Each structure stands twice: as C-alpha cells, then as structure tokens.
Amino acid sequence: MFRTIWTFNTFEEIYLLTRGGPGTSTFNLAVYAFEQGMANLRLGLAAATGVVIIVLLLAGSIVDVRVSGFGAEEKPA
C-alpha cells in the first residue's frame, strides 16, 4: 500500500526529466494537477484533482486492509 501511495506522489522525477512526455506517456495525476494549477491557472481543477487523488488512495487503502484482514480479530476455536 505504501508503494502505491508513493507512486501517486511521484511528481518531481517525472516533471523534471520529461515534463509528462513524450506525448502523455509519463503523465500522471500529480503532473496533471500541477499543469492545471500553475501553467493554466485553473486552480479549481487542480484542487479537484487533488481530491480525486485522495479519494482513490483512501478507497485503495480500505480495500487493501479488508482484503489482507489486517486488524481482524482471530476467532477462538
């Protein structure tokens, strides 16, 4: 789960090395939010993209915890 969260936060390497290119081959949600917020001054869209990222990570975390059974009490035999 931590690796998935870390992947969603990968921005610096992608933007500094390729700026999301060639084309959109290395474009992700973090780069999209930055481009919309800073380059296009569409701050509402950038904020909404951040909320989408948080919701996706929260949903993925909940699914991961439920599937793995982490925190589930062991039933006595």
N, C-alpha and C. Protein backbone atom coordinates (compact mmCIF):
# COMPACT_ATOMS: atom_id res chain seq x y z
N MET A 1 0.82 -1.19 0.00
CA MET A 1 0.00 0.00 0.00
C MET A 1 0.86 1.25 0.00
N PHE A 2 1.96 1.22 0.77
CA PHE A 2 2.82 2.39 0.81
C PHE A 2 3.44 2.67 -0.55
N ARG A 3 3.76 1.62 -1.29
CA ARG A 3 4.34 1.80 -2.62
C ARG A 3 3.33 2.46 -3.56
N THR A 4 2.07 2.11 -3.44
CA THR A 4 1.03 2.72 -4.27
C THR A 4 0.90 4.21 -3.94
N ILE A 5 0.88 4.53 -2.66
CA ILE A 5 0.79 5.93 -2.25
C ILE A 5 2.01 6.70 -2.75
N TRP A 6 3.19 6.11 -2.62
CA TRP A 6 4.42 6.75 -3.07
C TRP A 6 4.38 7.00 -4.57
N THR A 7 3.82 6.04 -5.33
CA THR A 7 3.72 6.18 -6.78
C THR A 7 2.80 7.34 -7.15
N PHE A 8 1.71 7.51 -6.44
CA PHE A 8 0.82 8.63 -6.71
C PHE A 8 1.49 9.97 -6.44
N ASN A 9 2.45 9.99 -5.54
CA ASN A 9 3.13 11.23 -5.20
C ASN A 9 4.36 11.48 -6.05
N THR A 10 4.64 10.63 -7.00
CA THR A 10 5.81 10.82 -7.86
C THR A 10 5.52 11.97 -8.82
N PHE A 11 6.14 13.08 -8.54
CA PHE A 11 5.95 14.24 -9.38
C PHE A 11 7.28 14.80 -9.86
N GLU A 12 8.20 14.99 -8.93
CA GLU A 12 9.44 15.69 -9.24
C GLU A 12 10.22 15.01 -10.36
N GLU A 13 10.41 13.70 -10.24
CA GLU A 13 11.20 12.99 -11.23
C GLU A 13 10.57 13.09 -12.62
N ILE A 14 9.27 12.87 -12.67
CA ILE A 14 8.58 12.90 -13.96
C ILE A 14 8.64 14.30 -14.57
N TYR A 15 8.32 15.30 -13.78
CA TYR A 15 8.25 16.65 -14.33
C TYR A 15 9.62 17.19 -14.71
N LEU A 16 10.61 16.94 -13.88
CA LEU A 16 11.94 17.47 -14.18
C LEU A 16 12.60 16.76 -15.36
N LEU A 17 12.37 15.47 -15.49
CA LEU A 17 13.03 14.72 -16.56
C LEU A 17 12.29 14.78 -17.89
N THR A 18 10.96 14.67 -17.87
CA THR A 18 10.22 14.54 -19.13
C THR A 18 9.09 15.54 -19.31
N ARG A 19 8.70 16.23 -18.23
CA ARG A 19 7.53 17.12 -18.26
C ARG A 19 6.27 16.41 -18.76
N GLY A 20 6.17 15.11 -18.47
CA GLY A 20 4.99 14.34 -18.83
C GLY A 20 5.04 13.75 -20.22
N GLY A 21 6.12 13.91 -20.92
CA GLY A 21 6.20 13.46 -22.32
C GLY A 21 7.07 12.26 -22.48
N PRO A 22 7.34 11.80 -23.66
CA PRO A 22 6.84 12.32 -24.93
C PRO A 22 5.34 12.05 -25.07
N GLY A 23 4.67 13.02 -25.56
CA GLY A 23 3.20 12.94 -25.62
C GLY A 23 2.66 12.98 -24.20
N THR A 24 1.94 11.95 -23.82
CA THR A 24 1.44 11.82 -22.45
C THR A 24 1.88 10.48 -21.86
N SER A 25 3.00 9.95 -22.30
CA SER A 25 3.41 8.61 -21.87
C SER A 25 3.80 8.55 -20.40
N THR A 26 4.28 9.62 -19.81
CA THR A 26 4.62 9.61 -18.39
C THR A 26 3.76 10.59 -17.59
N PHE A 27 2.62 10.95 -18.12
CA PHE A 27 1.70 11.88 -17.48
C PHE A 27 0.92 11.14 -16.40
N ASN A 28 0.87 11.68 -15.18
CA ASN A 28 0.05 11.10 -14.12
C ASN A 28 -0.81 12.19 -13.49
N LEU A 29 -1.58 11.84 -12.47
CA LEU A 29 -2.50 12.82 -11.88
C LEU A 29 -1.76 13.96 -11.19
N ALA A 30 -0.60 13.69 -10.61
CA ALA A 30 0.15 14.75 -9.94
C ALA A 30 0.65 15.78 -10.95
N VAL A 31 1.16 15.31 -12.08
CA VAL A 31 1.62 16.22 -13.13
C VAL A 31 0.44 16.98 -13.72
N TYR A 32 -0.69 16.29 -13.89
CA TYR A 32 -1.88 16.94 -14.42
C TYR A 32 -2.35 18.06 -13.48
N ALA A 33 -2.38 17.79 -12.18
CA ALA A 33 -2.80 18.81 -11.22
C ALA A 33 -1.86 20.02 -11.25
N PHE A 34 -0.57 19.76 -11.34
CA PHE A 34 0.40 20.86 -11.40
C PHE A 34 0.22 21.68 -12.67
N GLU A 35 0.08 21.00 -13.80
CA GLU A 35 -0.10 21.71 -15.07
C GLU A 35 -1.36 22.57 -15.04
N GLN A 36 -2.45 22.03 -14.52
CA GLN A 36 -3.70 22.79 -14.49
C GLN A 36 -3.59 23.97 -13.52
N GLY A 37 -2.96 23.75 -12.38
CA GLY A 37 -2.89 24.80 -11.37
C GLY A 37 -1.89 25.89 -11.67
N MET A 38 -0.72 25.52 -12.13
CA MET A 38 0.35 26.50 -12.32
C MET A 38 0.46 27.02 -13.75
N ALA A 39 0.40 26.14 -14.71
CA ALA A 39 0.58 26.57 -16.10
C ALA A 39 -0.70 27.20 -16.67
N ASN A 40 -1.85 26.62 -16.34
CA ASN A 40 -3.11 27.10 -16.92
C ASN A 40 -3.93 27.96 -15.97
N LEU A 41 -3.47 28.11 -14.72
CA LEU A 41 -4.16 28.88 -13.68
C LEU A 41 -5.61 28.44 -13.48
N ARG A 42 -5.84 27.15 -13.63
CA ARG A 42 -7.16 26.57 -13.35
C ARG A 42 -7.08 25.93 -11.97
N LEU A 43 -7.10 26.77 -10.94
CA LEU A 43 -6.86 26.32 -9.58
C LEU A 43 -7.96 25.41 -9.06
N GLY A 44 -9.18 25.63 -9.47
CA GLY A 44 -10.29 24.77 -9.05
C GLY A 44 -10.12 23.35 -9.57
N LEU A 45 -9.71 23.23 -10.82
CA LEU A 45 -9.49 21.91 -11.41
C LEU A 45 -8.30 21.21 -10.75
N ALA A 46 -7.26 21.97 -10.42
CA ALA A 46 -6.11 21.39 -9.74
C ALA A 46 -6.50 20.90 -8.34
N ALA A 47 -7.31 21.66 -7.64
CA ALA A 47 -7.77 21.25 -6.31
C ALA A 47 -8.68 20.02 -6.40
N ALA A 48 -9.54 19.99 -7.40
CA ALA A 48 -10.42 18.83 -7.60
C ALA A 48 -9.60 17.59 -7.93
N THR A 49 -8.53 17.75 -8.68
CA THR A 49 -7.67 16.61 -8.99
C THR A 49 -7.00 16.10 -7.72
N GLY A 50 -6.60 16.99 -6.84
CA GLY A 50 -6.04 16.58 -5.55
C GLY A 50 -7.04 15.80 -4.72
N VAL A 51 -8.29 16.22 -4.74
CA VAL A 51 -9.33 15.50 -4.01
C VAL A 51 -9.54 14.11 -4.62
N VAL A 52 -9.52 14.01 -5.93
CA VAL A 52 -9.66 12.71 -6.60
C VAL A 52 -8.52 11.79 -6.20
N ILE A 53 -7.31 12.31 -6.13
CA ILE A 53 -6.16 11.51 -5.72
C ILE A 53 -6.36 10.99 -4.30
N ILE A 54 -6.82 11.85 -3.40
CA ILE A 54 -7.04 11.44 -2.01
C ILE A 54 -8.12 10.37 -1.93
N VAL A 55 -9.21 10.55 -2.66
CA VAL A 55 -10.30 9.56 -2.65
C VAL A 55 -9.83 8.22 -3.19
N LEU A 56 -9.07 8.23 -4.28
CA LEU A 56 -8.55 6.98 -4.84
C LEU A 56 -7.63 6.26 -3.85
N LEU A 57 -6.75 7.01 -3.21
CA LEU A 57 -5.84 6.40 -2.25
C LEU A 57 -6.58 5.88 -1.01
N LEU A 58 -7.59 6.61 -0.56
CA LEU A 58 -8.38 6.16 0.58
C LEU A 58 -9.15 4.89 0.24
N ALA A 59 -9.79 4.86 -0.92
CA ALA A 59 -10.53 3.67 -1.34
C ALA A 59 -9.59 2.47 -1.49
N GLY A 60 -8.44 2.69 -2.09
CA GLY A 60 -7.47 1.61 -2.24
C GLY A 60 -6.97 1.11 -0.89
N SER A 61 -6.76 2.02 0.05
CA SER A 61 -6.31 1.62 1.38
C SER A 61 -7.37 0.80 2.09
N ILE A 62 -8.62 1.20 1.99
CA ILE A 62 -9.70 0.46 2.63
C ILE A 62 -9.81 -0.94 2.04
N VAL A 63 -9.75 -1.05 0.73
CA VAL A 63 -9.81 -2.36 0.08
C VAL A 63 -8.63 -3.22 0.51
N ASP A 64 -7.45 -2.64 0.56
CA ASP A 64 -6.26 -3.38 0.95
C ASP A 64 -6.36 -3.90 2.38
N VAL A 65 -6.84 -3.08 3.29
CA VAL A 65 -6.98 -3.50 4.69
C VAL A 65 -8.01 -4.61 4.81
N ARG A 66 -9.10 -4.50 4.10
CA ARG A 66 -10.15 -5.53 4.19
C ARG A 66 -9.73 -6.84 3.56
N VAL A 67 -9.03 -6.77 2.44
CA VAL A 67 -8.59 -7.99 1.77
C VAL A 67 -7.50 -8.68 2.58
N SER A 68 -6.58 -7.92 3.14
CA SER A 68 -5.48 -8.51 3.89
C SER A 68 -5.92 -9.02 5.26
N GLY A 69 -7.03 -8.52 5.76
CA GLY A 69 -7.51 -8.94 7.06
C GLY A 69 -6.74 -8.32 8.21
N PHE A 70 -6.00 -7.27 7.93
CA PHE A 70 -5.21 -6.61 8.97
C PHE A 70 -6.14 -6.02 10.02
N GLY A 71 -5.86 -6.30 11.26
CA GLY A 71 -6.65 -5.76 12.35
C GLY A 71 -7.86 -6.61 12.70
N ALA A 72 -8.08 -7.67 11.94
CA ALA A 72 -9.22 -8.54 12.23
C ALA A 72 -8.89 -9.41 13.44
N GLU A 73 -9.83 -9.54 14.31
CA GLU A 73 -9.61 -10.37 15.50
C GLU A 73 -9.72 -11.83 15.12
N GLU A 74 -8.83 -12.61 15.70
CA GLU A 74 -8.85 -14.05 15.44
C GLU A 74 -9.93 -14.68 16.29
N LYS A 75 -10.78 -15.49 15.67
CA LYS A 75 -11.89 -16.12 16.39
C LYS A 75 -11.35 -17.35 17.14
N PRO A 76 -11.75 -17.50 18.39
CA PRO A 76 -11.31 -18.67 19.14
C PRO A 76 -11.96 -19.93 18.60
N ALA A 77 -11.24 -21.02 18.67
CA ALA A 77 -11.74 -22.30 18.14
C ALA A 77 -12.74 -22.95 19.02
